[in-house]
């Protein structure tokens, strides 16, 4: 059985979903000690670099850029 870091690293290095997404997603969040948006999986190398300590966590502004405009909430004051 793979631990969370092994599961996350393995899955980020292959281009096929070979585990249940929820298990993979939880492993990535545990390893990075932060919430990971689904849009971040579009750039698996960035997540892998963060996981291995080669990159710091991206600022919230950069993560929000990955969210499609139609998926952003509308605030009415």
N, C-alpha and C. Protein backbone atom coordinates (compact mmCIF):
# COMPACT_ATOMS: atom_id res chain seq x y z
N UNK A 1 0.84 -1.18 0.00
CA UNK A 1 0.00 0.00 0.00
C UNK A 1 0.89 1.25 0.00
N UNK A 2 0.58 2.18 -0.85
CA UNK A 2 1.35 3.43 -0.95
C UNK A 2 0.91 4.41 0.12
N UNK A 3 1.87 5.18 0.66
CA UNK A 3 1.48 6.24 1.57
C UNK A 3 1.03 7.44 0.73
N UNK A 4 0.57 8.50 1.40
CA UNK A 4 0.01 9.65 0.68
C UNK A 4 1.01 10.29 -0.27
N UNK A 5 2.25 10.47 0.17
CA UNK A 5 3.24 11.11 -0.69
C UNK A 5 3.57 10.25 -1.90
N UNK A 6 3.72 8.96 -1.71
CA UNK A 6 4.00 8.06 -2.83
C UNK A 6 2.84 8.04 -3.82
N UNK A 7 1.61 8.02 -3.30
CA UNK A 7 0.43 8.01 -4.16
C UNK A 7 0.34 9.29 -4.98
N UNK A 8 0.56 10.43 -4.33
CA UNK A 8 0.48 11.71 -5.02
C UNK A 8 1.57 11.84 -6.08
N UNK A 9 2.80 11.52 -5.71
CA UNK A 9 3.92 11.62 -6.66
C UNK A 9 3.74 10.69 -7.84
N UNK A 10 3.33 9.46 -7.58
CA UNK A 10 3.13 8.50 -8.66
C UNK A 10 2.08 9.00 -9.64
N UNK A 11 0.94 9.40 -9.11
CA UNK A 11 -0.16 9.82 -9.98
C UNK A 11 0.17 11.09 -10.76
N UNK A 12 0.91 12.00 -10.17
CA UNK A 12 1.27 13.24 -10.87
C UNK A 12 2.26 12.98 -11.99
N UNK A 13 2.95 11.85 -11.95
CA UNK A 13 3.95 11.53 -12.98
C UNK A 13 3.39 10.74 -14.16
N UNK A 14 2.18 10.20 -14.05
CA UNK A 14 1.60 9.43 -15.15
C UNK A 14 0.43 10.21 -15.74
N UNK A 15 0.14 9.98 -17.00
CA UNK A 15 -0.92 10.74 -17.66
C UNK A 15 -2.27 10.04 -17.68
N UNK A 16 -2.43 9.00 -16.87
CA UNK A 16 -3.70 8.28 -16.77
C UNK A 16 -4.13 8.25 -15.31
N UNK A 17 -5.43 8.31 -15.09
CA UNK A 17 -5.95 8.21 -13.73
C UNK A 17 -5.97 6.73 -13.36
N UNK A 18 -5.05 6.32 -12.51
CA UNK A 18 -4.91 4.91 -12.16
C UNK A 18 -5.34 4.63 -10.73
N UNK A 19 -5.86 5.62 -10.05
CA UNK A 19 -6.43 5.46 -8.72
C UNK A 19 -7.74 6.24 -8.70
N UNK A 20 -8.51 6.04 -7.66
CA UNK A 20 -9.72 6.84 -7.53
C UNK A 20 -9.31 8.29 -7.33
N UNK A 21 -9.99 9.19 -8.03
CA UNK A 21 -9.61 10.60 -7.96
C UNK A 21 -9.67 11.12 -6.53
N UNK A 22 -10.70 10.76 -5.78
CA UNK A 22 -10.84 11.27 -4.42
C UNK A 22 -9.64 10.87 -3.55
N UNK A 23 -9.17 9.63 -3.68
CA UNK A 23 -8.01 9.18 -2.92
C UNK A 23 -6.76 9.96 -3.33
N UNK A 24 -6.59 10.14 -4.62
CA UNK A 24 -5.46 10.90 -5.14
C UNK A 24 -5.52 12.35 -4.67
N UNK A 25 -6.68 12.97 -4.79
CA UNK A 25 -6.87 14.36 -4.39
C UNK A 25 -6.56 14.55 -2.90
N UNK A 26 -7.06 13.65 -2.07
CA UNK A 26 -6.79 13.74 -0.64
C UNK A 26 -5.30 13.59 -0.35
N UNK A 27 -4.63 12.70 -1.06
CA UNK A 27 -3.19 12.50 -0.87
C UNK A 27 -2.43 13.77 -1.22
N UNK A 28 -2.80 14.42 -2.30
CA UNK A 28 -2.12 15.66 -2.71
C UNK A 28 -2.34 16.74 -1.66
N UNK A 29 -3.56 16.88 -1.17
CA UNK A 29 -3.84 17.91 -0.15
C UNK A 29 -3.08 17.63 1.15
N UNK A 30 -2.99 16.37 1.55
CA UNK A 30 -2.24 16.02 2.76
C UNK A 30 -0.77 16.38 2.57
N UNK A 31 -0.21 16.02 1.45
CA UNK A 31 1.22 16.27 1.19
C UNK A 31 1.55 17.75 1.10
N UNK A 32 0.66 18.53 0.51
CA UNK A 32 0.91 19.96 0.34
C UNK A 32 0.43 20.79 1.52
N UNK A 33 -0.30 20.16 2.44
CA UNK A 33 -0.84 20.85 3.63
C UNK A 33 -1.68 22.06 3.25
N UNK A 34 -2.46 21.91 2.19
CA UNK A 34 -3.35 23.00 1.76
C UNK A 34 -4.44 22.43 0.89
N UNK A 35 -5.48 23.23 0.67
CA UNK A 35 -6.55 22.84 -0.25
C UNK A 35 -6.01 22.96 -1.67
N UNK A 36 -6.39 22.03 -2.52
CA UNK A 36 -5.95 22.03 -3.92
C UNK A 36 -7.20 22.09 -4.80
N UNK A 37 -7.28 23.13 -5.61
CA UNK A 37 -8.41 23.27 -6.52
C UNK A 37 -8.29 22.31 -7.69
N UNK A 38 -9.42 21.88 -8.19
CA UNK A 38 -9.44 20.93 -9.30
C UNK A 38 -8.69 21.48 -10.51
N UNK A 39 -8.78 22.78 -10.75
CA UNK A 39 -8.10 23.40 -11.88
C UNK A 39 -6.59 23.29 -11.80
N UNK A 40 -6.05 23.11 -10.60
CA UNK A 40 -4.60 22.99 -10.46
C UNK A 40 -4.07 21.70 -11.08
N UNK A 41 -4.93 20.70 -11.25
CA UNK A 41 -4.49 19.44 -11.84
C UNK A 41 -4.23 19.57 -13.35
N UNK A 42 -4.59 20.72 -13.91
CA UNK A 42 -4.28 20.97 -15.31
C UNK A 42 -2.78 21.16 -15.52
N UNK A 43 -2.08 21.47 -14.43
CA UNK A 43 -0.63 21.65 -14.49
C UNK A 43 0.03 20.71 -13.47
N UNK A 44 0.04 19.41 -13.76
CA UNK A 44 0.56 18.44 -12.78
C UNK A 44 2.03 18.65 -12.43
N UNK A 45 2.82 19.15 -13.37
CA UNK A 45 4.24 19.36 -13.08
C UNK A 45 4.44 20.42 -12.01
N UNK A 46 3.59 21.44 -12.01
CA UNK A 46 3.68 22.49 -11.00
C UNK A 46 3.37 21.90 -9.62
N UNK A 47 2.34 21.06 -9.54
CA UNK A 47 2.02 20.40 -8.27
C UNK A 47 3.15 19.48 -7.83
N UNK A 48 3.70 18.76 -8.76
CA UNK A 48 4.80 17.85 -8.44
C UNK A 48 6.03 18.63 -7.95
N UNK A 49 6.32 19.75 -8.60
CA UNK A 49 7.44 20.59 -8.17
C UNK A 49 7.21 21.14 -6.76
N UNK A 50 5.97 21.53 -6.48
CA UNK A 50 5.65 22.02 -5.13
C UNK A 50 5.78 20.88 -4.12
N UNK A 51 5.31 19.72 -4.50
CA UNK A 51 5.35 18.56 -3.61
C UNK A 51 6.78 18.14 -3.28
N UNK A 52 7.67 18.24 -4.25
CA UNK A 52 9.06 17.85 -4.02
C UNK A 52 9.91 18.98 -3.46
N UNK A 53 9.31 20.14 -3.21
CA UNK A 53 10.03 21.25 -2.59
C UNK A 53 10.76 22.15 -3.57
N UNK A 54 10.54 21.98 -4.87
CA UNK A 54 11.21 22.80 -5.86
C UNK A 54 10.50 24.12 -6.14
N UNK A 55 9.24 24.24 -5.71
CA UNK A 55 8.47 25.46 -5.89
C UNK A 55 7.66 25.74 -4.63
N UNK A 56 7.48 27.01 -4.28
CA UNK A 56 6.59 27.32 -3.16
C UNK A 56 5.13 27.22 -3.62
N UNK A 57 4.23 27.20 -2.67
CA UNK A 57 2.80 27.19 -3.01
C UNK A 57 2.47 28.46 -3.79
N UNK A 58 1.62 28.36 -4.81
CA UNK A 58 1.28 29.56 -5.59
C UNK A 58 0.39 30.50 -4.78
N UNK A 59 0.47 31.79 -5.07
CA UNK A 59 -0.42 32.74 -4.39
C UNK A 59 -1.87 32.49 -4.81
N UNK A 60 -2.80 32.88 -3.96
CA UNK A 60 -4.21 32.65 -4.23
C UNK A 60 -4.65 33.26 -5.55
N UNK A 61 -4.08 34.39 -5.92
CA UNK A 61 -4.46 35.05 -7.17
C UNK A 61 -4.16 34.15 -8.37
N UNK A 62 -3.00 33.48 -8.32
CA UNK A 62 -2.62 32.59 -9.41
C UNK A 62 -3.55 31.38 -9.48
N UNK A 63 -3.95 30.86 -8.33
CA UNK A 63 -4.86 29.72 -8.33
C UNK A 63 -6.23 30.10 -8.87
N UNK A 64 -6.67 31.33 -8.55
CA UNK A 64 -7.98 31.78 -9.03
C UNK A 64 -8.00 31.97 -10.55
N UNK A 65 -6.84 32.25 -11.15
CA UNK A 65 -6.77 32.40 -12.60
C UNK A 65 -7.11 31.09 -13.32
N UNK A 66 -6.98 29.97 -12.64
CA UNK A 66 -7.29 28.67 -13.25
C UNK A 66 -8.78 28.37 -13.27
N UNK A 67 -9.55 29.14 -12.49
CA UNK A 67 -11.00 28.92 -12.43
C UNK A 67 -11.65 29.63 -13.61
N UNK A 68 -12.47 28.91 -14.41
CA UNK A 68 -13.14 29.56 -15.53
C UNK A 68 -14.05 30.69 -15.04
N UNK A 69 -14.15 31.75 -15.80
CA UNK A 69 -14.93 32.92 -15.41
C UNK A 69 -16.37 32.54 -15.09
N UNK A 70 -16.95 31.63 -15.87
CA UNK A 70 -18.34 31.24 -15.64
C UNK A 70 -18.53 30.46 -14.35
N UNK A 71 -17.45 29.99 -13.75
CA UNK A 71 -17.55 29.24 -12.50
C UNK A 71 -17.30 30.12 -11.27
N UNK A 72 -16.89 31.36 -11.49
CA UNK A 72 -16.66 32.26 -10.37
C UNK A 72 -17.98 32.71 -9.78
N UNK A 73 -18.04 32.88 -8.46
CA UNK A 73 -19.29 33.35 -7.83
C UNK A 73 -19.52 34.82 -8.15
N UNK A 74 -20.76 35.20 -8.16
CA UNK A 74 -21.13 36.60 -8.38
C UNK A 74 -21.53 37.17 -7.04
N UNK A 75 -20.89 38.26 -6.66
CA UNK A 75 -21.21 38.92 -5.40
C UNK A 75 -22.06 40.14 -5.70
N UNK A 76 -23.18 40.24 -5.01
CA UNK A 76 -24.08 41.38 -5.16
C UNK A 76 -24.12 42.12 -3.83
N UNK A 77 -23.81 43.39 -3.89
CA UNK A 77 -23.79 44.18 -2.65
C UNK A 77 -25.05 44.99 -2.51
